[in-house]
Amino acid sequence: MRQLLLFVTTVILFACNGPSENKKGSASGVTLTESNLYSEDTVLMVANAGAARDKEADKLFLQAIDVFRNKKDPSQAVALFKKSILAQPQARAYYEMGNALGDQGKLQEGLQAYDIADILDYKPLNKLLYNKACLYARSGELAKAKQYLISAIEFGYGNLKNLQKDKDLDKLREDAPYNFNDLIMTAMSGSSDPDKLQWAVFSHEFTQVKFPLLLDMKYADHMTEDKIISYDNERYVPEMRDYSFSRDVGGEYYRVGLVRANDSNRTLIYGVVDEMGGNILPVYYIASFNNKGTLIDKLLIGGQKILKDPYKVATITANYDIEISNFELTYSKDPNEEGYEDNPIRSQKPLGKDHYAIREDGHFVKKDVVLGMR
């Protein structure tokens, strides 16, 4: 868990907890090394040791993502993923390392990485199962490839175009082309709409929030590893698609929860931590989607994207009213020069409040607009 050492304790609204200490990559005398990187017992022991989120591990992970996805250098990315894992084993690092190892042609080690990601409860599971099917198919282990492909589809993998054209599955298609199509259709028979199924798998990971929900600085304590949204879900998170990674760090995305669901749409809240700019404070968005996961509307309700913006604190009530309080923050040192860590807030100036409602169709409207329509 990323702890925030930013604020004066007298500001109740922005109170936070201090960091906890723990030796990196170890638990009760057991240390994770490159030689036991794929030992399930060792990894689980270290991962479950109760250590706080390790900032260096997170930074190395984001550097590896940048190198792998943007610079297209899987070899260097694997080295960085391993450094991140040695600092603190995380499901997402093992999963992405499995992808990079696959790109290097190291199929068996890639499968080992996926296995560890699986035991660390990587989500979305359907993507992990699909990628395992691809590596098994490339390895010529077609029975296992078929098994994992069926499981991936049953757990919500619904990219029909990819299933039909992905070169990683060529050996499986060549083995029995007609049976391959039957396999896909049979596995998808439980859902007449794969896109809808994939959206359901993603959206149901957002648990119902407890009202009233207060998204202040202290809420950042809830942004834990088990709430991380995988980059495989970029179709549902616009910021992922628009995000530009830097050479040093990138952004992390977290589930906050489900606000409302009706027959036609679901309203979710997620958080974004933009470490690229050095700001470790989350920004919160509320977003509504239709039943296939198409974005209806989105609103920034908490935090600040850039320093000159007001800092927003949102309160959402059980009747879905959204109150956003705006503040001008003054830090002890200039954040542009000194960053945010060890830089307490000296003062906060209230700048007024905005009120929004969620319409039945999923759009967000200012309360005065709603009243004016009556």
Protein backbone atom coordinates (compact mmCIF):
# COMPACT_ATOMS: atom_id res chain seq x y z
CA MET A 1 0.00 0.00 0.00
CA ARG A 2 1.38 3.31 -1.02
CA GLN A 3 1.45 5.60 2.03
CA LEU A 4 1.33 9.35 1.69
CA LEU A 5 3.77 11.51 3.65
CA LEU A 6 2.35 14.75 2.41
CA PHE A 7 0.13 16.43 4.90
CA VAL A 8 0.01 18.24 8.18
CA THR A 9 -1.83 16.20 10.76
CA THR A 10 -4.00 19.14 11.75
CA VAL A 11 -5.86 18.99 8.44
CA ILE A 12 -8.45 16.36 9.35
CA LEU A 13 -9.83 16.07 5.85
CA PHE A 14 -6.42 15.12 4.52
CA ALA A 15 -5.14 12.92 7.35
CA CYS A 16 -3.17 9.82 6.37
CA ASN A 17 -1.18 6.97 7.90
CA GLY A 18 2.56 6.61 7.98
CA PRO A 19 4.55 3.97 6.12
CA SER A 20 5.38 0.55 7.52
CA GLU A 21 8.85 -0.93 7.42
CA ASN A 22 9.67 -4.34 5.91
CA LYS A 23 12.72 -5.92 4.33
CA LYS A 24 12.35 -6.14 0.56
CA GLY A 25 11.74 -9.50 -1.09
CA SER A 26 11.92 -11.56 2.09
CA ALA A 27 9.77 -13.16 4.78
CA SER A 28 10.87 -14.85 8.01
CA GLY A 29 14.37 -15.40 6.73
CA VAL A 30 13.24 -16.58 3.27
CA THR A 31 14.55 -14.39 0.48
CA LEU A 32 13.37 -14.32 -3.12
CA THR A 33 16.23 -14.69 -5.60
CA GLU A 34 16.53 -15.38 -9.34
CA SER A 35 17.11 -19.06 -8.53
CA ASN A 36 13.73 -19.43 -6.74
CA LEU A 37 11.79 -16.86 -8.77
CA TYR A 38 9.32 -19.56 -9.88
CA SER A 39 9.08 -21.47 -6.60
CA GLU A 40 5.39 -21.27 -5.69
CA ASP A 41 5.97 -21.82 -1.96
CA THR A 42 8.71 -19.20 -1.73
CA VAL A 43 6.83 -16.61 -3.77
CA LEU A 44 3.65 -17.09 -1.76
CA MET A 45 5.52 -16.87 1.54
CA VAL A 46 7.18 -13.59 0.55
CA ALA A 47 4.04 -12.15 -1.09
CA ASN A 48 1.89 -12.95 1.95
CA ALA A 49 4.36 -11.57 4.48
CA GLY A 50 2.17 -8.51 4.92
CA ALA A 51 4.67 -5.99 3.59
CA ALA A 52 3.50 -2.56 2.50
CA ARG A 53 3.52 -1.73 -1.20
CA ASP A 54 7.13 -1.24 -2.24
CA LYS A 55 7.60 1.98 -4.22
CA GLU A 56 10.82 0.82 -5.83
CA ALA A 57 9.09 -2.37 -7.06
CA ASP A 58 6.28 -0.28 -8.52
CA LYS A 59 8.70 2.08 -10.23
CA LEU A 60 10.67 -0.79 -11.76
CA PHE A 61 7.43 -2.39 -12.96
CA LEU A 62 6.34 0.78 -14.72
CA GLN A 63 9.78 1.20 -16.29
CA ALA A 64 9.52 -2.38 -17.57
CA ILE A 65 6.06 -1.71 -19.02
CA ASP A 66 7.43 1.32 -20.83
CA VAL A 67 10.38 -0.64 -22.25
CA PHE A 68 8.18 -3.58 -23.25
CA ARG A 69 5.13 -1.86 -24.69
CA ASN A 70 6.56 1.37 -26.05
CA LYS A 71 10.21 0.62 -26.81
CA LYS A 72 9.45 -2.97 -27.92
CA ASP A 73 12.47 -4.41 -26.09
CA PRO A 74 11.30 -7.61 -24.35
CA SER A 75 14.80 -8.64 -23.23
CA GLN A 76 15.43 -5.43 -21.28
CA ALA A 77 11.84 -5.52 -20.03
CA VAL A 78 12.31 -9.03 -18.58
CA ALA A 79 15.38 -7.86 -16.67
CA LEU A 80 13.39 -4.96 -15.19
CA PHE A 81 10.37 -7.16 -14.37
CA LYS A 82 12.69 -9.52 -12.49
CA LYS A 83 14.18 -6.65 -10.49
CA SER A 84 10.65 -5.50 -9.61
CA ILE A 85 9.66 -9.01 -8.52
CA LEU A 86 12.79 -9.43 -6.40
CA ALA A 87 11.89 -6.21 -4.59
CA GLN A 88 8.29 -7.39 -4.14
CA PRO A 89 6.49 -10.22 -6.00
CA GLN A 90 3.27 -9.03 -7.65
CA ALA A 91 0.85 -10.85 -9.97
CA ARG A 92 0.94 -8.14 -12.62
CA ALA A 93 4.75 -8.22 -12.84
CA TYR A 94 4.80 -12.00 -13.35
CA TYR A 95 2.01 -11.74 -15.95
CA GLU A 96 3.69 -9.02 -17.99
CA MET A 97 7.02 -10.82 -17.69
CA GLY A 98 5.32 -13.90 -19.13
CA ASN A 99 4.22 -11.80 -22.10
CA ALA A 100 7.74 -10.46 -22.63
CA LEU A 101 9.28 -13.94 -22.31
CA GLY A 102 6.82 -15.17 -24.92
CA ASP A 103 7.95 -12.41 -27.27
CA GLN A 104 11.53 -13.58 -26.72
CA GLY A 105 10.55 -17.13 -27.62
CA LYS A 106 11.23 -18.37 -24.08
CA LEU A 107 7.95 -20.27 -23.97
CA GLN A 108 8.50 -22.58 -21.00
CA GLU A 109 9.78 -19.79 -18.76
CA GLY A 110 6.86 -17.66 -19.93
CA LEU A 111 4.47 -20.40 -18.82
CA GLN A 112 6.22 -20.54 -15.45
CA ALA A 113 5.71 -16.79 -15.07
CA TYR A 114 2.01 -17.16 -15.93
CA ASP A 115 1.67 -19.97 -13.36
CA ILE A 116 2.99 -17.69 -10.61
CA ALA A 117 0.73 -14.85 -11.78
CA ASP A 118 -2.16 -17.31 -11.49
CA ILE A 119 -1.40 -18.34 -7.89
CA LEU A 120 -1.03 -14.64 -7.00
CA ASP A 121 -4.61 -14.17 -8.31
CA TYR A 122 -3.96 -12.17 -11.46
CA LYS A 123 -7.02 -10.50 -12.99
CA PRO A 124 -8.53 -10.63 -15.58
CA LEU A 125 -8.16 -14.40 -15.39
CA ASN A 126 -9.54 -14.94 -18.90
CA LYS A 127 -6.62 -13.03 -20.44
CA LEU A 128 -4.09 -15.03 -18.44
CA LEU A 129 -5.73 -18.31 -19.53
CA TYR A 130 -5.79 -17.16 -23.15
CA ASN A 131 -2.09 -16.24 -23.13
CA LYS A 132 -1.24 -19.62 -21.59
CA ALA A 133 -3.19 -21.27 -24.42
CA CYS A 134 -1.12 -19.29 -26.92
CA LEU A 135 2.22 -20.36 -25.43
CA TYR A 136 1.13 -24.00 -25.20
CA ALA A 137 0.04 -23.86 -28.85
CA ARG A 138 3.38 -22.37 -29.91
CA SER A 139 5.13 -25.11 -27.90
CA GLY A 140 3.18 -27.81 -29.75
CA GLU A 141 1.34 -28.92 -26.59
CA LEU A 142 -2.02 -28.79 -28.34
CA ALA A 143 -4.09 -30.69 -25.77
CA LYS A 144 -3.13 -28.17 -23.09
CA ALA A 145 -3.61 -25.30 -25.53
CA LYS A 146 -7.15 -26.48 -26.23
CA GLN A 147 -7.88 -26.88 -22.51
CA TYR A 148 -6.72 -23.38 -21.63
CA LEU A 149 -8.44 -21.79 -24.63
CA ILE A 150 -11.79 -23.29 -23.62
CA SER A 151 -11.27 -22.10 -20.04
CA ALA A 152 -10.36 -18.59 -21.24
CA ILE A 153 -13.58 -18.32 -23.25
CA GLU A 154 -15.69 -19.74 -20.43
CA PHE A 155 -14.20 -17.15 -18.06
CA GLY A 156 -15.15 -14.31 -20.38
CA TYR A 157 -12.58 -14.00 -23.16
CA GLY A 158 -14.68 -12.78 -26.08
CA ASN A 159 -12.37 -11.33 -28.74
CA LEU A 160 -13.66 -13.46 -31.63
CA LYS A 161 -11.44 -11.73 -34.20
CA ASN A 162 -8.35 -12.50 -32.16
CA LEU A 163 -9.41 -16.10 -31.66
CA GLN A 164 -9.72 -16.57 -35.40
CA LYS A 165 -6.57 -14.73 -36.51
CA ASP A 166 -4.02 -14.84 -33.67
CA LYS A 167 -0.86 -16.40 -35.16
CA ASP A 168 0.02 -17.87 -31.76
CA LEU A 169 -2.86 -20.32 -32.26
CA ASP A 170 -1.85 -21.36 -35.80
CA LYS A 171 -0.71 -24.86 -34.75
CA LEU A 172 -4.03 -25.44 -33.01
CA ARG A 173 -5.94 -24.38 -36.13
CA GLU A 174 -3.75 -26.46 -38.43
CA ASP A 175 -4.23 -29.52 -36.24
CA ALA A 176 -7.99 -29.54 -36.78
CA PRO A 177 -9.35 -26.41 -38.51
CA TYR A 178 -13.00 -27.44 -38.44
CA ASN A 179 -12.82 -28.71 -34.89
CA PHE A 180 -11.16 -25.44 -33.89
CA ASN A 181 -14.18 -23.41 -35.04
CA ASP A 182 -16.51 -25.88 -33.31
CA LEU A 183 -14.41 -25.54 -30.17
CA ILE A 184 -14.85 -21.76 -30.16
CA MET A 185 -18.57 -21.87 -30.86
CA THR A 186 -19.18 -24.54 -28.22
CA ALA A 187 -17.18 -22.65 -25.59
CA MET A 188 -19.10 -19.46 -26.42
CA SER A 189 -22.48 -21.15 -26.38
CA GLY A 190 -23.09 -19.96 -22.82
CA SER A 191 -23.04 -16.37 -24.01
CA SER A 192 -24.70 -15.09 -27.17
CA ASP A 193 -22.76 -11.82 -26.86
CA PRO A 194 -19.02 -12.16 -26.07
CA ASP A 195 -18.54 -8.37 -25.65
CA LYS A 196 -21.30 -8.29 -23.08
CA LEU A 197 -19.76 -11.24 -21.24
CA GLN A 198 -16.31 -9.64 -21.17
CA TRP A 199 -17.78 -6.41 -19.82
CA ALA A 200 -19.66 -8.38 -17.15
CA VAL A 201 -16.44 -10.06 -16.02
CA PHE A 202 -14.66 -6.69 -15.71
CA SER A 203 -17.49 -4.69 -14.15
CA HIS A 204 -18.39 -7.30 -11.55
CA GLU A 205 -14.92 -6.95 -10.05
CA PHE A 206 -16.14 -3.53 -8.80
CA THR A 207 -17.90 -4.22 -5.50
CA GLN A 208 -20.71 -2.01 -4.23
CA VAL A 209 -19.40 1.07 -2.40
CA LYS A 210 -20.63 1.93 1.08
CA PHE A 211 -22.51 5.20 1.36
CA PRO A 212 -21.75 7.91 2.13
CA LEU A 213 -18.50 7.56 0.18
CA LEU A 214 -15.85 10.20 0.91
CA LEU A 215 -13.00 10.42 -1.61
CA ASP A 216 -10.47 12.53 0.27
CA MET A 217 -6.70 12.12 0.53
CA LYS A 218 -7.06 9.53 3.25
CA TYR A 219 -9.00 7.30 0.85
CA ALA A 220 -5.69 6.66 -0.94
CA ASP A 221 -5.02 4.06 1.77
CA HIS A 222 -7.64 1.89 0.03
CA MET A 223 -5.65 1.85 -3.21
CA THR A 224 -4.06 -1.52 -2.56
CA GLU A 225 -2.56 -4.10 -4.91
CA ASP A 226 -5.72 -6.24 -5.00
CA LYS A 227 -7.62 -3.26 -6.47
CA ILE A 228 -5.25 -2.71 -9.43
CA ILE A 229 -6.85 -2.65 -12.89
CA SER A 230 -4.80 -4.54 -15.46
CA TYR A 231 -3.70 -2.82 -18.66
CA ASP A 232 -5.61 -5.58 -20.48
CA ASN A 233 -8.76 -3.64 -19.58
CA GLU A 234 -7.80 -0.48 -21.46
CA ARG A 235 -10.99 -0.63 -23.55
CA TYR A 236 -12.92 0.37 -20.40
CA VAL A 237 -10.51 2.96 -18.98
CA PRO A 238 -10.03 5.92 -21.36
CA GLU A 239 -6.98 7.21 -19.45
CA MET A 240 -5.11 3.99 -20.27
CA ARG A 241 -5.65 4.50 -23.98
CA ASP A 242 -4.58 8.14 -23.82
CA TYR A 243 -1.69 7.66 -21.43
CA SER A 244 1.87 8.34 -22.57
CA PHE A 245 4.54 6.56 -20.55
CA SER A 246 7.69 8.40 -19.67
CA ARG A 247 11.16 6.95 -19.54
CA ASP A 248 11.02 6.70 -15.75
CA VAL A 249 7.51 5.97 -14.51
CA GLY A 250 3.90 5.62 -15.66
CA GLY A 251 0.39 5.44 -14.27
CA GLU A 252 -1.45 2.96 -12.09
CA TYR A 253 -5.20 2.35 -12.07
CA TYR A 254 -7.39 1.12 -9.23
CA ARG A 255 -10.96 -0.04 -8.72
CA VAL A 256 -12.89 2.01 -6.16
CA GLY A 257 -16.30 0.40 -6.61
CA LEU A 258 -19.77 0.23 -8.07
CA VAL A 259 -22.04 3.19 -7.39
CA ARG A 260 -25.23 2.18 -9.20
CA ALA A 261 -26.51 -0.47 -11.60
CA ASN A 262 -29.81 -0.61 -13.47
CA ASP A 263 -31.13 -2.48 -16.50
CA SER A 264 -29.35 -0.24 -19.00
CA ASN A 265 -26.09 0.94 -17.39
CA ARG A 266 -23.58 0.62 -14.57
CA THR A 267 -21.78 3.50 -12.83
CA LEU A 268 -18.27 2.80 -11.53
CA ILE A 269 -15.50 4.75 -9.80
CA TYR A 270 -11.81 4.18 -10.47
CA GLY A 271 -8.65 5.95 -9.39
CA VAL A 272 -5.54 6.91 -11.33
CA VAL A 273 -2.14 7.57 -9.79
CA ASP A 274 0.01 9.53 -12.24
CA GLU A 275 3.56 8.99 -11.08
CA MET A 276 4.92 10.30 -14.36
CA GLY A 277 4.50 13.83 -13.07
CA GLY A 278 5.70 12.96 -9.58
CA ASN A 279 2.22 13.29 -8.06
CA ILE A 280 1.38 10.21 -5.99
CA LEU A 281 -2.09 11.51 -5.07
CA PRO A 282 -4.91 9.61 -6.81
CA VAL A 283 -7.31 11.25 -9.22
CA TYR A 284 -10.83 9.77 -9.08
CA TYR A 285 -13.26 9.38 -11.97
CA ILE A 286 -16.89 8.33 -11.96
CA ALA A 287 -17.94 6.72 -15.24
CA SER A 288 -21.13 5.14 -16.60
CA PHE A 289 -21.20 2.37 -19.21
CA ASN A 290 -23.92 0.57 -21.12
CA ASN A 291 -24.40 -3.20 -20.92
CA LYS A 292 -21.62 -3.85 -23.43
CA GLY A 293 -19.08 -1.64 -21.67
CA THR A 294 -19.37 1.36 -23.98
CA LEU A 295 -18.66 4.60 -22.13
CA ILE A 296 -21.73 6.81 -21.66
CA ASP A 297 -20.29 9.63 -19.53
CA LYS A 298 -17.33 10.36 -17.27
CA LEU A 299 -16.57 12.98 -14.61
CA LEU A 300 -13.43 13.81 -12.61
CA ILE A 301 -14.65 14.00 -9.01
CA GLY A 302 -11.54 13.77 -6.81
CA GLY A 303 -7.92 14.89 -6.70
CA GLN A 304 -6.25 17.14 -9.27
CA LYS A 305 -4.72 16.29 -12.64
CA ILE A 306 -2.31 19.23 -12.66
CA LEU A 307 -1.07 21.48 -9.90
CA LYS A 308 -2.92 24.61 -11.00
CA ASP A 309 -6.30 22.81 -10.82
CA PRO A 310 -8.37 22.93 -7.62
CA TYR A 311 -8.05 19.83 -5.46
CA LYS A 312 -11.42 18.05 -5.44
CA VAL A 313 -12.92 16.04 -2.59
CA ALA A 314 -16.09 14.12 -3.46
CA THR A 315 -18.90 12.85 -1.26
CA ILE A 316 -21.49 10.50 -2.77
CA THR A 317 -24.68 9.68 -0.89
CA ALA A 318 -27.09 6.75 -1.07
CA ASN A 319 -29.44 8.70 -3.35
CA TYR A 320 -26.51 9.14 -5.79
CA ASP A 321 -26.01 12.85 -5.14
CA ILE A 322 -22.41 13.89 -5.80
CA GLU A 323 -20.97 16.84 -3.85
CA ILE A 324 -17.54 18.03 -4.97
CA SER A 325 -15.66 20.41 -2.66
CA ASN A 326 -12.87 22.39 -4.33
CA PHE A 327 -9.71 23.54 -2.53
CA GLU A 328 -6.63 25.54 -3.33
CA LEU A 329 -3.66 23.81 -1.69
CA THR A 330 -0.43 25.49 -0.66
CA TYR A 331 2.58 23.26 0.01
CA SER A 332 5.54 23.98 2.26
CA LYS A 333 7.84 23.72 -0.77
CA ASP A 334 7.13 24.24 -4.45
CA PRO A 335 5.99 20.81 -5.76
CA ASN A 336 7.26 21.70 -9.23
CA GLU A 337 10.75 21.95 -7.78
CA GLU A 338 10.69 19.62 -4.77
CA GLY A 339 7.97 17.08 -5.61
CA TYR A 340 5.22 15.92 -3.26
CA GLU A 341 6.96 13.50 -0.91
CA ASP A 342 7.96 14.95 2.44
CA ASN A 343 6.24 18.16 1.35
CA PRO A 344 3.41 18.88 3.81
CA ILE A 345 0.38 20.95 2.88
CA ARG A 346 0.66 24.32 4.60
CA SER A 347 -2.84 25.56 3.94
CA GLN A 348 -6.08 24.76 2.15
CA LYS A 349 -8.44 27.41 0.87
CA PRO A 350 -12.08 26.41 0.15
CA LEU A 351 -13.16 27.43 -3.35
CA GLY A 352 -16.79 26.38 -3.27
CA LYS A 353 -18.77 23.26 -4.09
CA ASP A 354 -20.35 21.65 -7.14
CA HIS A 355 -23.31 19.30 -7.02
CA TYR A 356 -24.13 16.60 -9.58
CA ALA A 357 -26.79 13.97 -10.07
CA ILE A 358 -26.70 10.72 -12.04
CA ARG A 359 -29.51 10.49 -14.57
CA GLU A 360 -31.22 7.19 -15.30
CA ASP A 361 -29.47 7.06 -18.68
CA GLY A 362 -26.06 7.25 -16.96
CA HIS A 363 -25.19 10.89 -17.71
CA PHE A 364 -23.91 13.25 -15.02
CA VAL A 365 -25.55 16.66 -14.75
CA LYS A 366 -25.05 19.60 -12.43
CA LYS A 367 -27.76 19.80 -9.78
CA ASP A 368 -28.78 23.34 -10.75
CA VAL A 369 -29.34 22.05 -14.31
CA VAL A 370 -31.53 19.26 -12.99
CA LEU A 371 -33.58 21.67 -10.90
CA GLY A 372 -33.94 24.01 -13.85
CA MET A 373 -35.47 21.22 -15.92
CA ARG A 374 -38.25 20.53 -13.44
